[in-house]
Amino acid sequence: MKIIVTHLRDNDISYVDHMKRAVVWAGEMSVASIALSIHAFIPCAFTKTASSMIEKINKEMNGKIDKKINCCTCKSDGEML
């Protein structure tokens, strides 16, 4: 239990917010995985989808962009797509 509390405290996040972010990122990674699977067989399809999604998630995890959970994807400048 202490390791969970330490991780949450180190990242300054509540349990529920942590859970929401992790679930959203898992969903986004699932979409990226599907795009990569299609791209494997059809190289001209989804040429930047997975890498863009992974880059976005990485920036969110490293605190380089806002980690708020939105109902849609944001561009790197915060503008809604």
PDB file of N, CA and C in Angstrom:
ATOM      1  N   MET A   1       0.825  -1.197   0.000  1.00  0.00           N
ATOM      2  CA  MET A   1       0.000   0.000   0.000  1.00  0.00           C
ATOM      3  C   MET A   1       0.865   1.254   0.000  1.00  0.00           C
ATOM      4  N   LYS A   2       1.976   1.209   0.738  1.00  0.00           N
ATOM      5  CA  LYS A   2       2.839   2.383   0.822  1.00  0.00           C
ATOM      6  C   LYS A   2       3.412   2.761  -0.541  1.00  0.00           C
ATOM      7  N   ILE A   3       3.751   1.760  -1.347  1.00  0.00           N
ATOM      8  CA  ILE A   3       4.312   2.037  -2.662  1.00  0.00           C
ATOM      9  C   ILE A   3       3.293   2.761  -3.556  1.00  0.00           C
ATOM     10  N   ILE A   4       2.013   2.436  -3.418  1.00  0.00           N
ATOM     11  CA  ILE A   4       0.958   3.105  -4.186  1.00  0.00           C
ATOM     12  C   ILE A   4       0.853   4.566  -3.755  1.00  0.00           C
ATOM     13  N   VAL A   5       0.803   4.785  -2.463  1.00  0.00           N
ATOM     14  CA  VAL A   5       0.689   6.143  -1.935  1.00  0.00           C
ATOM     15  C   VAL A   5       1.912   6.965  -2.325  1.00  0.00           C
ATOM     16  N   THR A   6       3.087   6.368  -2.264  1.00  0.00           N
ATOM     17  CA  THR A   6       4.316   7.075  -2.633  1.00  0.00           C
ATOM     18  C   THR A   6       4.278   7.488  -4.097  1.00  0.00           C
ATOM     19  N   HIS A   7       3.855   6.593  -4.974  1.00  0.00           N
ATOM     20  CA  HIS A   7       3.776   6.903  -6.400  1.00  0.00           C
ATOM     21  C   HIS A   7       2.798   8.043  -6.652  1.00  0.00           C
ATOM     22  N   LEU A   8       1.652   8.007  -6.005  1.00  0.00           N
ATOM     23  CA  LEU A   8       0.650   9.061  -6.182  1.00  0.00           C
ATOM     24  C   LEU A   8       1.167  10.387  -5.645  1.00  0.00           C
ATOM     25  N   ARG A   9       1.802  10.355  -4.495  1.00  0.00           N
ATOM     26  CA  ARG A   9       2.339  11.586  -3.891  1.00  0.00           C
ATOM     27  C   ARG A   9       3.472  12.144  -4.753  1.00  0.00           C
ATOM     28  N   ASP A  10       4.350  11.282  -5.241  1.00  0.00           N
ATOM     29  CA  ASP A  10       5.457  11.729  -6.087  1.00  0.00           C
ATOM     30  C   ASP A  10       4.961  12.410  -7.357  1.00  0.00           C
ATOM     31  N   ASN A  11       3.804  11.980  -7.853  1.00  0.00           N
ATOM     32  CA  ASN A  11       3.243  12.536  -9.075  1.00  0.00           C
ATOM     33  C   ASN A  11       2.147  13.558  -8.818  1.00  0.00           C
ATOM     34  N   ASP A  12       1.916  13.874  -7.549  1.00  0.00           N
ATOM     35  CA  ASP A  12       0.932  14.881  -7.139  1.00  0.00           C
ATOM     36  C   ASP A  12      -0.421  14.657  -7.823  1.00  0.00           C
ATOM     37  N   ILE A  13      -0.965  13.463  -7.621  1.00  0.00           N
ATOM     38  CA  ILE A  13      -2.219  13.089  -8.262  1.00  0.00           C
ATOM     39  C   ILE A  13      -3.038  12.206  -7.328  1.00  0.00           C
ATOM     40  N   SER A  14      -4.342  12.344  -7.389  1.00  0.00           N
ATOM     41  CA  SER A  14      -5.212  11.501  -6.566  1.00  0.00           C
ATOM     42  C   SER A  14      -5.339  10.116  -7.209  1.00  0.00           C
ATOM     43  N   TYR A  15      -5.815   9.178  -6.445  1.00  0.00           N
ATOM     44  CA  TYR A  15      -5.992   7.810  -6.946  1.00  0.00           C
ATOM     45  C   TYR A  15      -6.949   7.793  -8.139  1.00  0.00           C
ATOM     46  N   VAL A  16      -8.077   8.496  -8.008  1.00  0.00           N
ATOM     47  CA  VAL A  16      -9.091   8.504  -9.072  1.00  0.00           C
ATOM     48  C   VAL A  16      -8.550   9.169 -10.329  1.00  0.00           C
ATOM     49  N   ASP A  17      -7.871  10.319 -10.186  1.00  0.00           N
ATOM     50  CA  ASP A  17      -7.299  10.985 -11.364  1.00  0.00           C
ATOM     51  C   ASP A  17      -6.229  10.114 -12.019  1.00  0.00           C
ATOM     52  N   HIS A  18      -5.429   9.451 -11.208  1.00  0.00           N
ATOM     53  CA  HIS A  18      -4.410   8.542 -11.736  1.00  0.00           C
ATOM     54  C   HIS A  18      -5.065   7.419 -12.533  1.00  0.00           C
ATOM     55  N   MET A  19      -6.122   6.862 -11.983  1.00  0.00           N
ATOM     56  CA  MET A  19      -6.835   5.778 -12.646  1.00  0.00           C
ATOM     57  C   MET A  19      -7.421   6.250 -13.973  1.00  0.00           C
ATOM     58  N   LYS A  20      -8.039   7.435 -13.977  1.00  0.00           N
ATOM     59  CA  LYS A  20      -8.628   7.978 -15.209  1.00  0.00           C
ATOM     60  C   LYS A  20      -7.563   8.156 -16.286  1.00  0.00           C
ATOM     61  N   ARG A  21      -6.438   8.759 -15.913  1.00  0.00           N
ATOM     62  CA  ARG A  21      -5.371   8.985 -16.887  1.00  0.00           C
ATOM     63  C   ARG A  21      -4.838   7.674 -17.433  1.00  0.00           C
ATOM     64  N   ALA A  22      -4.607   6.715 -16.549  1.00  0.00           N
ATOM     65  CA  ALA A  22      -4.069   5.427 -16.979  1.00  0.00           C
ATOM     66  C   ALA A  22      -5.026   4.720 -17.931  1.00  0.00           C
ATOM     67  N   VAL A  23      -6.316   4.773 -17.641  1.00  0.00           N
ATOM     68  CA  VAL A  23      -7.308   4.132 -18.506  1.00  0.00           C
ATOM     69  C   VAL A  23      -7.371   4.835 -19.863  1.00  0.00           C
ATOM     70  N   VAL A  24      -7.345   6.165 -19.860  1.00  0.00           N
ATOM     71  CA  VAL A  24      -7.356   6.915 -21.120  1.00  0.00           C
ATOM     72  C   VAL A  24      -6.117   6.573 -21.938  1.00  0.00           C
ATOM     73  N   TRP A  25      -4.947   6.576 -21.300  1.00  0.00           N
ATOM     74  CA  TRP A  25      -3.715   6.252 -22.022  1.00  0.00           C
ATOM     75  C   TRP A  25      -3.735   4.817 -22.538  1.00  0.00           C
ATOM     76  N   ALA A  26      -4.281   3.900 -21.767  1.00  0.00           N
ATOM     77  CA  ALA A  26      -4.387   2.509 -22.223  1.00  0.00           C
ATOM     78  C   ALA A  26      -5.271   2.425 -23.465  1.00  0.00           C
ATOM     79  N   GLY A  27      -6.367   3.174 -23.462  1.00  0.00           N
ATOM     80  CA  GLY A  27      -7.250   3.206 -24.631  1.00  0.00           C
ATOM     81  C   GLY A  27      -6.553   3.802 -25.839  1.00  0.00           C
ATOM     82  N   GLU A  28      -5.826   4.901 -25.633  1.00  0.00           N
ATOM     83  CA  GLU A  28      -5.104   5.521 -26.733  1.00  0.00           C
ATOM     84  C   GLU A  28      -4.019   4.595 -27.276  1.00  0.00           C
ATOM     85  N   MET A  29      -3.351   3.882 -26.388  1.00  0.00           N
ATOM     86  CA  MET A  29      -2.320   2.937 -26.829  1.00  0.00           C
ATOM     87  C   MET A  29      -2.945   1.766 -27.589  1.00  0.00           C
ATOM     88  N   SER A  30      -4.156   1.377 -27.214  1.00  0.00           N
ATOM     89  CA  SER A  30      -4.862   0.320 -27.944  1.00  0.00           C
ATOM     90  C   SER A  30      -5.184   0.767 -29.360  1.00  0.00           C
ATOM     91  N   VAL A  31      -5.627   2.007 -29.489  1.00  0.00           N
ATOM     92  CA  VAL A  31      -5.909   2.562 -30.817  1.00  0.00           C
ATOM     93  C   VAL A  31      -4.620   2.626 -31.634  1.00  0.00           C
ATOM     94  N   ALA A  32      -3.529   3.070 -31.014  1.00  0.00           N
ATOM     95  CA  ALA A  32      -2.242   3.131 -31.700  1.00  0.00           C
ATOM     96  C   ALA A  32      -1.794   1.737 -32.143  1.00  0.00           C
ATOM     97  N   SER A  33      -2.040   0.747 -31.316  1.00  0.00           N
ATOM     98  CA  SER A  33      -1.681  -0.629 -31.643  1.00  0.00           C
ATOM     99  C   SER A  33      -2.463  -1.136 -32.858  1.00  0.00           C
ATOM    100  N   ILE A  34      -3.738  -0.819 -32.904  1.00  0.00           N
ATOM    101  CA  ILE A  34      -4.560  -1.214 -34.055  1.00  0.00           C
ATOM    102  C   ILE A  34      -4.055  -0.526 -35.323  1.00  0.00           C
ATOM    103  N   ALA A  35      -3.756   0.774 -35.205  1.00  0.00           N
ATOM    104  CA  ALA A  35      -3.238   1.513 -36.357  1.00  0.00           C
ATOM    105  C   ALA A  35      -1.918   0.903 -36.843  1.00  0.00           C
ATOM    106  N   LEU A  36      -1.049   0.533 -35.919  1.00  0.00           N
ATOM    107  CA  LEU A  36       0.215  -0.092 -36.295  1.00  0.00           C
ATOM    108  C   LEU A  36       0.004  -1.446 -36.952  1.00  0.00           C
ATOM    109  N   SER A  37      -0.951  -2.187 -36.454  1.00  0.00           N
ATOM    110  CA  SER A  37      -1.240  -3.502 -37.044  1.00  0.00           C
ATOM    111  C   SER A  37      -1.725  -3.358 -38.484  1.00  0.00           C
ATOM    112  N   ILE A  38      -2.578  -2.386 -38.729  1.00  0.00           N
ATOM    113  CA  ILE A  38      -3.047  -2.135 -40.095  1.00  0.00           C
ATOM    114  C   ILE A  38      -1.892  -1.638 -40.956  1.00  0.00           C
ATOM    115  N   HIS A  39      -1.093  -0.736 -40.397  1.00  0.00           N
ATOM    116  CA  HIS A  39       0.056  -0.179 -41.117  1.00  0.00           C
ATOM    117  C   HIS A  39       1.056  -1.277 -41.519  1.00  0.00           C
ATOM    118  N   ALA A  40       1.167  -2.301 -40.713  1.00  0.00           N
ATOM    119  CA  ALA A  40       2.095  -3.400 -41.024  1.00  0.00           C
ATOM    120  C   ALA A  40       1.752  -4.054 -42.357  1.00  0.00           C
ATOM    121  N   PHE A  41       0.469  -4.152 -42.664  1.00  0.00           N
ATOM    122  CA  PHE A  41       0.027  -4.810 -43.891  1.00  0.00           C
ATOM    123  C   PHE A  41      -0.253  -3.828 -45.032  1.00  0.00           C
ATOM    124  N   ILE A  42      -0.576  -2.601 -44.673  1.00  0.00           N
ATOM    125  CA  ILE A  42      -0.859  -1.563 -45.673  1.00  0.00           C
ATOM    126  C   ILE A  42       0.014  -0.351 -45.323  1.00  0.00           C
ATOM    127  N   PRO A  43       1.258  -0.349 -45.789  1.00  0.00           N
ATOM    128  CA  PRO A  43       2.229   0.677 -45.381  1.00  0.00           C
ATOM    129  C   PRO A  43       1.800   2.129 -45.615  1.00  0.00           C
ATOM    130  N   CYS A  44       0.917   2.363 -46.579  1.00  0.00           N
ATOM    131  CA  CYS A  44       0.496   3.748 -46.826  1.00  0.00           C
ATOM    132  C   CYS A  44      -0.610   4.198 -45.878  1.00  0.00           C
ATOM    133  N   ALA A  45      -1.144   3.298 -45.069  1.00  0.00           N
ATOM    134  CA  ALA A  45      -2.216   3.636 -44.129  1.00  0.00           C
ATOM    135  C   ALA A  45      -1.637   3.984 -42.760  1.00  0.00           C
ATOM    136  N   PHE A  46      -2.192   4.994 -42.134  1.00  0.00           N
ATOM    137  CA  PHE A  46      -1.817   5.385 -40.767  1.00  0.00           C
ATOM    138  C   PHE A  46      -0.312   5.581 -40.617  1.00  0.00           C
ATOM    139  N   THR A  47       0.280   6.324 -41.531  1.00  0.00           N
ATOM    140  CA  THR A  47       1.737   6.477 -41.532  1.00  0.00           C
ATOM    141  C   THR A  47       2.280   7.234 -40.326  1.00  0.00           C
ATOM    142  N   LYS A  48       1.472   8.075 -39.709  1.00  0.00           N
ATOM    143  CA  LYS A  48       1.954   8.850 -38.559  1.00  0.00           C
ATOM    144  C   LYS A  48       1.059   8.726 -37.337  1.00  0.00           C
ATOM    145  N   THR A  49       0.007   7.963 -37.433  1.00  0.00           N
ATOM    146  CA  THR A  49      -0.984   7.888 -36.357  1.00  0.00           C
ATOM    147  C   THR A  49      -0.385   7.398 -35.043  1.00  0.00           C
ATOM    148  N   ALA A  50       0.219   6.230 -35.054  1.00  0.00           N
ATOM    149  CA  ALA A  50       0.739   5.648 -33.812  1.00  0.00           C
ATOM    150  C   ALA A  50       1.865   6.491 -33.229  1.00  0.00           C
ATOM    151  N   SER A  51       2.787   6.929 -34.070  1.00  0.00           N
ATOM    152  CA  SER A  51       3.916   7.712 -33.549  1.00  0.00           C
ATOM    153  C   SER A  51       3.430   9.029 -32.950  1.00  0.00           C
ATOM    154  N   SER A  52       2.436   9.658 -33.558  1.00  0.00           N
ATOM    155  CA  SER A  52       1.882  10.904 -33.019  1.00  0.00           C
ATOM    156  C   SER A  52       1.202  10.659 -31.672  1.00  0.00           C
ATOM    157  N   MET A  53       0.456   9.568 -31.589  1.00  0.00           N
ATOM    158  CA  MET A  53      -0.238   9.259 -30.339  1.00  0.00           C
ATOM    159  C   MET A  53       0.751   8.941 -29.224  1.00  0.00           C
ATOM    160  N   ILE A  54       1.773   8.166 -29.549  1.00  0.00           N
ATOM    161  CA  ILE A  54       2.782   7.799 -28.553  1.00  0.00           C
ATOM    162  C   ILE A  54       3.541   9.035 -28.088  1.00  0.00           C
ATOM    163  N   GLU A  55       3.869   9.917 -29.019  1.00  0.00           N
ATOM    164  CA  GLU A  55       4.565  11.157 -28.664  1.00  0.00           C
ATOM    165  C   GLU A  55       3.712  12.015 -27.738  1.00  0.00           C
ATOM    166  N   LYS A  56       2.407  12.125 -28.028  1.00  0.00           N
ATOM    167  CA  LYS A  56       1.493  12.894 -27.198  1.00  0.00           C
ATOM    168  C   LYS A  56       1.423  12.316 -25.784  1.00  0.00           C
ATOM    169  N   ILE A  57       1.267  11.009 -25.696  1.00  0.00           N
ATOM    170  CA  ILE A  57       1.189  10.354 -24.388  1.00  0.00           C
ATOM    171  C   ILE A  57       2.489  10.552 -23.619  1.00  0.00           C
ATOM    172  N   ASN A  58       3.616  10.407 -24.298  1.00  0.00           N
ATOM    173  CA  ASN A  58       4.913  10.588 -23.656  1.00  0.00           C
ATOM    174  C   ASN A  58       5.059  12.008 -23.098  1.00  0.00           C
ATOM    175  N   LYS A  59       4.633  13.004 -23.875  1.00  0.00           N
ATOM    176  CA  LYS A  59       4.705  14.384 -23.405  1.00  0.00           C
ATOM    177  C   LYS A  59       3.806  14.587 -22.190  1.00  0.00           C
ATOM    178  N   GLU A  60       2.616  13.995 -22.210  1.00  0.00           N
ATOM    179  CA  GLU A  60       1.709  14.108 -21.063  1.00  0.00           C
ATOM    180  C   GLU A  60       2.322  13.451 -19.829  1.00  0.00           C
ATOM    181  N   MET A  61       2.902  12.283 -20.002  1.00  0.00           N
ATOM    182  CA  MET A  61       3.489  11.567 -18.870  1.00  0.00           C
ATOM    183  C   MET A  61       4.684  12.314 -18.282  1.00  0.00           C
ATOM    184  N   ASN A  62       5.396  13.039 -19.127  1.00  0.00           N
ATOM    185  CA  ASN A  62       6.570  13.775 -18.665  1.00  0.00           C
ATOM    186  C   ASN A  62       6.255  15.217 -18.306  1.00  0.00           C
ATOM    187  N   GLY A  63       4.961  15.557 -18.275  1.00  0.00           N
ATOM    188  CA  GLY A  63       4.536  16.870 -17.835  1.00  0.00           C
ATOM    189  C   GLY A  63       4.821  17.994 -18.808  1.00  0.00           C
ATOM    190  N   LYS A  64       5.055  17.670 -20.071  1.00  0.00           N
ATOM    191  CA  LYS A  64       5.375  18.707 -21.047  1.00  0.00           C
ATOM    192  C   LYS A  64       4.135  19.354 -21.643  1.00  0.00           C
ATOM    193  N   ILE A  65       2.974  18.696 -21.515  1.00  0.00           N
ATOM    194  CA  ILE A  65       1.710  19.298 -21.929  1.00  0.00           C
ATOM    195  C   ILE A  65       0.665  18.983 -20.874  1.00  0.00           C
ATOM    196  N   ASP A  66      -0.422  19.706 -20.908  1.00  0.00           N
ATOM    197  CA  ASP A  66      -1.488  19.551 -19.925  1.00  0.00           C
ATOM    198  C   ASP A  66      -1.999  18.119 -19.912  1.00  0.00           C
ATOM    199  N   LYS A  67      -2.182  17.566 -18.714  1.00  0.00           N
ATOM    200  CA  LYS A  67      -2.627  16.182 -18.573  1.00  0.00           C
ATOM    201  C   LYS A  67      -4.128  16.060 -18.384  1.00  0.00           C
ATOM    202  N   LYS A  68      -4.870  17.149 -18.579  1.00  0.00           N
ATOM    203  CA  LYS A  68      -6.316  17.078 -18.395  1.00  0.00           C
ATOM    204  C   LYS A  68      -6.909  16.098 -19.391  1.00  0.00           C
ATOM    205  N   ILE A  69      -7.875  15.362 -18.931  1.00  0.00           N
ATOM    206  CA  ILE A  69      -8.536  14.388 -19.785  1.00  0.00           C
ATOM    207  C   ILE A  69      -9.646  15.095 -20.546  1.00  0.00           C
ATOM    208  N   ASN A  70      -9.574  15.023 -21.860  1.00  0.00           N
ATOM    209  CA  ASN A  70     -10.568  15.643 -22.715  1.00  0.00           C
ATOM    210  C   ASN A  70     -11.327  14.560 -23.461  1.00  0.00           C
ATOM    211  N   CYS A  71     -12.474  14.934 -23.992  1.00  0.00           N
ATOM    212  CA  CYS A  71     -13.268  13.971 -24.744  1.00  0.00           C
ATOM    213  C   CYS A  71     -12.730  13.804 -26.159  1.00  0.00           C
ATOM    214  N   CYS A  72     -11.811  14.652 -26.542  1.00  0.00           N
ATOM    215  CA  CYS A  72     -11.213  14.532 -27.864  1.00  0.00           C
ATOM    216  C   CYS A  72      -9.737  14.891 -27.780  1.00  0.00           C
ATOM    217  N   THR A  73      -9.009  14.611 -28.822  1.00  0.00           N
ATOM    218  CA  THR A  73      -7.578  14.826 -28.841  1.00  0.00           C
ATOM    219  C   THR A  73      -7.266  16.300 -29.071  1.00  0.00           C
ATOM    220  N   CYS A  74      -6.224  16.769 -28.448  1.00  0.00           N
ATOM    221  CA  CYS A  74      -5.781  18.145 -28.635  1.00  0.00           C
ATOM    222  C   CYS A  74      -4.521  18.167 -29.482  1.00  0.00           C
ATOM    223  N   LYS A  75      -4.381  19.232 -30.248  1.00  0.00           N
ATOM    224  CA  LYS A  75      -3.124  19.466 -30.941  1.00  0.00           C
ATOM    225  C   LYS A  75      -2.097  19.857 -29.885  1.00  0.00           C
ATOM    226  N   SER A  76      -0.837  19.860 -30.255  1.00  0.00           N
ATOM    227  CA  SER A  76       0.206  20.187 -29.282  1.00  0.00           C
ATOM    228  C   SER A  76       0.070  21.603 -28.735  1.00  0.00           C
ATOM    229  N   ASP A  77      -0.585  22.503 -29.462  1.00  0.00           N
ATOM    230  CA  ASP A  77      -0.764  23.864 -28.973  1.00  0.00           C
ATOM    231  C   ASP A  77      -2.014  24.004 -28.108  1.00  0.00           C
ATOM    232  N   GLY A  78      -2.705  22.900 -27.847  1.00  0.00           N
ATOM    233  CA  GLY A  78      -3.866  22.907 -26.981  1.00  0.00           C
ATOM    234  C   GLY A  78      -5.179  23.124 -27.698  1.00  0.00           C
ATOM    235  N   GLU A  79      -5.134  23.431 -28.987  1.00  0.00           N
ATOM    236  CA  GLU A  79      -6.346  23.636 -29.760  1.00  0.00           C
ATOM    237  C   GLU A  79      -7.035  22.302 -29.990  1.00  0.00           C
ATOM    238  N   MET A  80      -8.345  22.277 -29.822  1.00  0.00           N
ATOM    239  CA  MET A  80      -9.096  21.038 -30.007  1.00  0.00           C
ATOM    240  C   MET A  80      -9.174  20.698 -31.478  1.00  0.00           C
ATOM    241  N   LEU A  81      -9.038  19.417 -31.792  1.00  0.00           N
ATOM    242  CA  LEU A  81      -9.162  18.949 -33.177  1.00  0.00           C
ATOM    243  C   LEU A  81     -10.614  18.895 -33.584  1.00  0.00           C
TER     244      LEU A  81
END
